[in-house]
Amino acid sequence: MAQAGVFKMKEDQSSEIRIFKDQVLEIVPDADFRFSLVILKDGNKYFLCGTEKDIWEALERTE
């Protein structure tokens, strides 16, 4: 069974969110590349700490 990746929120780095790879529709890097906008298939959007590459790698490790 797949596990969710745990990511820190850009707005409040003490808050975390759990995301499964199969929930992700798109990851868009922020202008300074320290953060990424993660768009989920259900339409929810989250700004997370980490580059696009970091987030994809973390999601790959949860499979």
N, C-alpha and C. Protein backbone atom coordinates (compact mmCIF):
# COMPACT_ATOMS: atom_id res chain seq x y z
N MET A 1 0.85 -1.19 0.00
CA MET A 1 0.00 0.00 0.00
C MET A 1 0.89 1.24 0.00
N ALA A 2 0.54 2.20 -0.83
CA ALA A 2 1.32 3.43 -0.94
C ALA A 2 1.14 4.29 0.31
N GLN A 3 2.21 4.99 0.66
CA GLN A 3 2.16 5.93 1.77
C GLN A 3 2.14 7.34 1.21
N ALA A 4 1.62 8.24 1.98
CA ALA A 4 1.56 9.64 1.57
C ALA A 4 2.89 10.32 1.87
N GLY A 5 3.27 11.26 0.99
CA GLY A 5 4.40 12.12 1.28
C GLY A 5 3.93 13.22 2.23
N VAL A 6 4.82 13.65 3.11
CA VAL A 6 4.48 14.71 4.07
C VAL A 6 5.29 15.94 3.69
N PHE A 7 4.59 17.07 3.52
CA PHE A 7 5.22 18.30 3.05
C PHE A 7 4.83 19.47 3.93
N LYS A 8 5.76 20.41 4.07
CA LYS A 8 5.51 21.64 4.83
C LYS A 8 4.84 22.67 3.92
N MET A 9 3.90 23.39 4.50
CA MET A 9 3.19 24.44 3.77
C MET A 9 4.04 25.70 3.70
N LYS A 10 4.00 26.40 2.57
CA LYS A 10 4.77 27.63 2.39
C LYS A 10 4.33 28.70 3.38
N GLU A 11 3.02 28.89 3.55
CA GLU A 11 2.48 29.97 4.36
C GLU A 11 2.78 29.79 5.84
N ASP A 12 2.78 28.55 6.31
CA ASP A 12 2.99 28.25 7.72
C ASP A 12 3.79 26.97 7.80
N GLN A 13 5.10 27.11 7.91
CA GLN A 13 5.98 25.94 7.82
C GLN A 13 5.86 25.00 9.01
N SER A 14 5.05 25.38 10.01
CA SER A 14 4.78 24.44 11.10
C SER A 14 3.60 23.52 10.74
N SER A 15 2.89 23.86 9.65
CA SER A 15 1.78 23.02 9.17
C SER A 15 2.27 22.07 8.09
N GLU A 16 1.74 20.85 8.12
CA GLU A 16 2.12 19.85 7.13
C GLU A 16 0.87 19.30 6.45
N ILE A 17 1.08 18.77 5.26
CA ILE A 17 0.00 18.13 4.51
C ILE A 17 0.53 16.80 3.98
N ARG A 18 -0.36 15.82 3.93
CA ARG A 18 -0.02 14.50 3.38
C ARG A 18 -0.65 14.39 2.00
N ILE A 19 0.18 14.00 1.04
CA ILE A 19 -0.29 13.89 -0.35
C ILE A 19 0.21 12.57 -0.93
N PHE A 20 -0.67 11.89 -1.66
CA PHE A 20 -0.30 10.69 -2.40
C PHE A 20 0.05 11.07 -3.83
N LYS A 21 0.99 10.36 -4.41
CA LYS A 21 1.42 10.66 -5.78
C LYS A 21 0.25 10.63 -6.75
N ASP A 22 -0.66 9.67 -6.59
CA ASP A 22 -1.77 9.56 -7.53
C ASP A 22 -2.81 10.67 -7.40
N GLN A 23 -2.66 11.53 -6.38
CA GLN A 23 -3.55 12.69 -6.22
C GLN A 23 -3.07 13.89 -7.03
N VAL A 24 -1.79 13.89 -7.42
CA VAL A 24 -1.16 15.07 -8.02
C VAL A 24 -1.46 15.17 -9.51
N LEU A 25 -1.96 16.32 -9.91
CA LEU A 25 -2.20 16.61 -11.32
C LEU A 25 -0.99 17.31 -11.92
N GLU A 26 -0.45 18.29 -11.18
CA GLU A 26 0.65 19.10 -11.71
C GLU A 26 1.42 19.74 -10.55
N ILE A 27 2.71 19.96 -10.77
CA ILE A 27 3.54 20.70 -9.83
C ILE A 27 4.19 21.84 -10.61
N VAL A 28 3.96 23.07 -10.13
CA VAL A 28 4.46 24.26 -10.81
C VAL A 28 5.46 24.95 -9.90
N PRO A 29 6.72 25.13 -10.35
CA PRO A 29 7.71 25.80 -9.50
C PRO A 29 7.37 27.27 -9.30
N ASP A 30 7.64 27.77 -8.10
CA ASP A 30 7.49 29.19 -7.79
C ASP A 30 8.63 29.95 -8.45
N ALA A 31 8.51 31.25 -8.55
CA ALA A 31 9.50 32.07 -9.25
C ALA A 31 10.91 31.93 -8.66
N ASP A 32 11.02 31.79 -7.35
CA ASP A 32 12.36 31.67 -6.75
C ASP A 32 12.81 30.22 -6.58
N PHE A 33 11.97 29.27 -7.00
CA PHE A 33 12.27 27.84 -7.02
C PHE A 33 12.46 27.20 -5.64
N ARG A 34 12.18 27.94 -4.55
CA ARG A 34 12.25 27.32 -3.22
C ARG A 34 10.93 26.68 -2.83
N PHE A 35 9.87 27.06 -3.54
CA PHE A 35 8.53 26.58 -3.25
C PHE A 35 7.89 26.09 -4.54
N SER A 36 6.83 25.31 -4.40
CA SER A 36 6.12 24.81 -5.57
C SER A 36 4.62 24.83 -5.31
N LEU A 37 3.87 25.10 -6.36
CA LEU A 37 2.42 25.01 -6.30
C LEU A 37 2.04 23.59 -6.74
N VAL A 38 1.40 22.87 -5.85
CA VAL A 38 0.95 21.51 -6.16
C VAL A 38 -0.55 21.55 -6.41
N ILE A 39 -0.94 21.13 -7.60
CA ILE A 39 -2.35 21.11 -7.99
C ILE A 39 -2.81 19.65 -7.97
N LEU A 40 -3.83 19.39 -7.18
CA LEU A 40 -4.35 18.04 -7.05
C LEU A 40 -5.48 17.80 -8.04
N LYS A 41 -5.74 16.54 -8.32
CA LYS A 41 -6.79 16.17 -9.27
C LYS A 41 -8.17 16.62 -8.81
N ASP A 42 -8.36 16.79 -7.50
CA ASP A 42 -9.66 17.24 -6.99
C ASP A 42 -9.83 18.76 -7.05
N GLY A 43 -8.80 19.46 -7.58
CA GLY A 43 -8.88 20.91 -7.73
C GLY A 43 -8.22 21.70 -6.62
N ASN A 44 -7.89 21.06 -5.51
CA ASN A 44 -7.20 21.76 -4.42
C ASN A 44 -5.79 22.14 -4.85
N LYS A 45 -5.32 23.28 -4.34
CA LYS A 45 -3.98 23.78 -4.67
C LYS A 45 -3.27 24.15 -3.38
N TYR A 46 -1.99 23.80 -3.31
CA TYR A 46 -1.20 24.07 -2.11
C TYR A 46 0.18 24.57 -2.51
N PHE A 47 0.65 25.64 -1.84
CA PHE A 47 2.04 26.06 -1.98
C PHE A 47 2.84 25.32 -0.93
N LEU A 48 3.81 24.53 -1.38
CA LEU A 48 4.61 23.71 -0.49
C LEU A 48 6.07 24.10 -0.54
N CYS A 49 6.78 23.84 0.54
CA CYS A 49 8.23 24.05 0.58
C CYS A 49 8.89 22.97 -0.27
N GLY A 50 9.85 23.36 -1.08
CA GLY A 50 10.58 22.40 -1.90
C GLY A 50 10.45 22.69 -3.38
N THR A 51 11.45 22.27 -4.10
CA THR A 51 11.43 22.43 -5.55
C THR A 51 10.53 21.37 -6.17
N GLU A 52 10.20 21.56 -7.42
CA GLU A 52 9.40 20.56 -8.14
C GLU A 52 10.09 19.20 -8.07
N LYS A 53 11.39 19.19 -8.30
CA LYS A 53 12.16 17.94 -8.27
C LYS A 53 12.11 17.29 -6.88
N ASP A 54 12.28 18.10 -5.83
CA ASP A 54 12.24 17.58 -4.46
C ASP A 54 10.90 16.90 -4.16
N ILE A 55 9.83 17.54 -4.58
CA ILE A 55 8.49 17.01 -4.30
C ILE A 55 8.25 15.72 -5.07
N TRP A 56 8.60 15.70 -6.37
CA TRP A 56 8.43 14.46 -7.15
C TRP A 56 9.26 13.33 -6.55
N GLU A 57 10.50 13.62 -6.13
CA GLU A 57 11.35 12.58 -5.54
C GLU A 57 10.75 12.06 -4.24
N ALA A 58 10.22 12.94 -3.42
CA ALA A 58 9.59 12.51 -2.16
C ALA A 58 8.37 11.64 -2.44
N LEU A 59 7.60 11.99 -3.45
CA LEU A 59 6.43 11.19 -3.81
C LEU A 59 6.84 9.83 -4.36
N GLU A 60 7.92 9.78 -5.13
CA GLU A 60 8.42 8.50 -5.67
C GLU A 60 8.83 7.56 -4.54
N ARG A 61 9.41 8.11 -3.48
CA ARG A 61 9.87 7.28 -2.36
C ARG A 61 8.71 6.66 -1.58
N THR A 62 7.51 7.17 -1.75
CA THR A 62 6.37 6.66 -0.98
C THR A 62 5.69 5.48 -1.66
N GLU A 63 6.08 5.16 -2.87
CA GLU A 63 5.43 4.05 -3.60
C GLU A 63 5.84 2.71 -3.03
